[in-house]
Amino acid sequence: MDRTSVALGGVLSAVASVVAVLLYGPQTAAPWGVLAGGIVALRARDATDGLFDGALAGLVGAVGGVLAVVGFYALDVYFHVGDAEIAGSVGAYFSVPSVVMLVPSFALGGMLAGALGVVVRDRVASRVGA
């Protein structure tokens, strides 16, 4: 396991997801686990390493993204309404579907991109002769 690439992939996918959600809405949050897996695939030793590290980077990205987006929406409601109880309720309302939908999506995207990225990288390297 390469902790550096897992952390980098997770953080970059979380940041990309948060930026996409803030700019274009919550429907753009899901596909960013592929970014985490692609980053992991650049440094993975083999396909199984890319599979495991991609899933882990996807999970890191999903948790970071969900926490940031839910926190942003809860703060937005708090500043508009001025009631912490309502803001907490809205945050809880948004967090349940986000966790149920995004975490598996990020992990699966990271797994697939991590494993397939290693296979493609190795095939290209063997064809080019590097």
Protein backbone atom coordinates (compact mmCIF):
# COMPACT_ATOMS: atom_id res chain seq x y z
CA MET A 1 0.00 0.00 0.00
CA ASP A 2 1.29 3.42 -0.97
CA ARG A 3 -0.03 5.82 1.65
CA THR A 4 1.10 8.91 -0.24
CA SER A 5 -0.86 8.12 -3.39
CA VAL A 6 -3.90 7.02 -1.36
CA ALA A 7 -3.90 10.28 0.58
CA LEU A 8 -3.25 12.38 -2.52
CA GLY A 9 -5.96 10.60 -4.51
CA GLY A 10 -8.46 10.88 -1.66
CA VAL A 11 -7.82 14.56 -1.02
CA LEU A 12 -7.89 15.53 -4.70
CA SER A 13 -11.10 13.59 -5.33
CA ALA A 14 -12.74 15.16 -2.27
CA VAL A 15 -11.70 18.66 -3.34
CA ALA A 16 -12.88 18.06 -6.92
CA SER A 17 -16.19 16.72 -5.64
CA VAL A 18 -16.75 19.68 -3.32
CA VAL A 19 -15.90 22.19 -6.05
CA ALA A 20 -18.21 20.43 -8.52
CA VAL A 21 -21.07 20.33 -6.01
CA LEU A 22 -20.67 23.98 -5.10
CA LEU A 23 -20.51 25.07 -8.75
CA TYR A 24 -22.99 22.73 -10.44
CA GLY A 25 -25.14 21.13 -7.73
CA PRO A 26 -25.29 17.85 -5.82
CA GLN A 27 -25.79 15.69 -8.92
CA THR A 28 -22.11 16.20 -9.84
CA ALA A 29 -20.69 14.61 -6.68
CA ALA A 30 -20.63 10.97 -7.72
CA PRO A 31 -17.96 10.30 -10.39
CA TRP A 32 -14.90 11.56 -8.53
CA GLY A 33 -13.77 8.22 -7.13
CA VAL A 34 -12.38 7.52 -10.60
CA LEU A 35 -9.96 10.42 -10.10
CA ALA A 36 -8.72 8.86 -6.86
CA GLY A 37 -8.20 5.50 -8.56
CA GLY A 38 -6.41 7.10 -11.49
CA ILE A 39 -3.96 8.87 -9.20
CA VAL A 40 -3.32 5.64 -7.30
CA ALA A 41 -2.79 3.72 -10.54
CA LEU A 42 0.18 5.88 -11.43
CA ARG A 43 2.24 4.48 -8.54
CA ALA A 44 0.70 1.06 -7.81
CA ARG A 45 2.91 -2.03 -8.21
CA ASP A 46 0.30 -4.31 -9.74
CA ALA A 47 -3.44 -4.51 -10.44
CA THR A 48 -4.36 -5.91 -7.02
CA ASP A 49 -2.44 -3.11 -5.34
CA GLY A 50 -4.26 -0.62 -7.57
CA LEU A 51 -7.58 -2.26 -6.72
CA PHE A 52 -7.07 -2.06 -2.96
CA ASP A 53 -5.43 1.37 -2.91
CA GLY A 54 -8.02 2.77 -5.35
CA ALA A 55 -10.87 1.62 -3.11
CA LEU A 56 -9.16 3.10 -0.07
CA ALA A 57 -8.49 6.42 -1.83
CA GLY A 58 -12.11 6.47 -2.98
CA LEU A 59 -13.31 5.98 0.58
CA VAL A 60 -11.04 8.76 1.85
CA GLY A 61 -12.32 11.07 -0.87
CA ALA A 62 -15.96 10.19 -0.24
CA VAL A 63 -15.76 10.78 3.50
CA GLY A 64 -13.91 14.06 3.04
CA GLY A 65 -16.31 15.21 0.34
CA VAL A 66 -19.43 14.28 2.29
CA LEU A 67 -18.20 16.02 5.44
CA ALA A 68 -17.32 19.18 3.53
CA VAL A 69 -20.52 19.35 1.48
CA VAL A 70 -22.85 18.54 4.38
CA GLY A 71 -21.02 21.04 6.57
CA PHE A 72 -21.30 23.69 3.88
CA TYR A 73 -25.04 23.14 3.46
CA ALA A 74 -25.59 23.17 7.23
CA LEU A 75 -23.65 26.43 7.58
CA ASP A 76 -25.55 27.92 4.65
CA VAL A 77 -28.88 27.10 6.34
CA TYR A 78 -27.60 28.43 9.67
CA PHE A 79 -26.56 31.75 8.14
CA HIS A 80 -29.85 32.12 6.27
CA VAL A 81 -32.21 31.00 9.03
CA GLY A 82 -30.17 31.70 12.15
CA ASP A 83 -31.21 28.53 13.97
CA ALA A 84 -28.63 25.86 14.80
CA GLU A 85 -31.27 23.18 15.38
CA ILE A 86 -32.71 23.57 11.90
CA ALA A 87 -29.21 23.67 10.41
CA GLY A 88 -28.36 20.42 12.20
CA SER A 89 -31.55 18.80 10.95
CA VAL A 90 -30.79 19.86 7.38
CA GLY A 91 -27.23 18.58 7.73
CA ALA A 92 -28.49 15.23 8.98
CA TYR A 93 -31.07 15.10 6.19
CA PHE A 94 -28.39 15.65 3.54
CA SER A 95 -25.79 13.37 5.12
CA VAL A 96 -27.77 10.11 5.09
CA PRO A 97 -28.39 9.92 1.33
CA SER A 98 -24.92 11.31 0.67
CA VAL A 99 -23.26 8.56 2.68
CA VAL A 100 -25.48 5.83 1.28
CA MET A 101 -24.96 6.89 -2.34
CA LEU A 102 -21.52 8.51 -2.51
CA VAL A 103 -19.32 6.24 -0.44
CA PRO A 104 -19.99 3.08 -2.49
CA SER A 105 -19.81 5.11 -5.71
CA PHE A 106 -16.42 6.58 -4.83
CA ALA A 107 -15.05 3.23 -3.65
CA LEU A 108 -16.22 1.37 -6.75
CA GLY A 109 -14.91 4.08 -9.06
CA GLY A 110 -11.57 4.05 -7.25
CA MET A 111 -11.33 0.26 -7.43
CA LEU A 112 -12.06 0.11 -11.13
CA ALA A 113 -9.84 3.03 -12.10
CA GLY A 114 -7.01 1.81 -9.86
CA ALA A 115 -6.93 -1.72 -11.26
CA LEU A 116 -7.63 -0.84 -14.89
CA GLY A 117 -5.22 2.09 -14.78
CA VAL A 118 -2.38 -0.24 -13.76
CA VAL A 119 -3.25 -2.70 -16.52
CA VAL A 120 -3.37 0.07 -19.14
CA ARG A 121 -0.15 1.62 -17.81
CA ASP A 122 1.69 -1.71 -18.02
CA ARG A 123 0.36 -2.47 -21.51
CA VAL A 124 1.39 0.94 -22.82
CA ALA A 125 4.83 0.57 -21.23
CA SER A 126 5.32 -2.85 -22.84
CA ARG A 127 4.20 -1.56 -26.26
CA VAL A 128 6.42 1.50 -26.13
CA GLY A 129 9.30 -0.50 -24.69
CA ALA A 130 9.91 1.65 -21.66
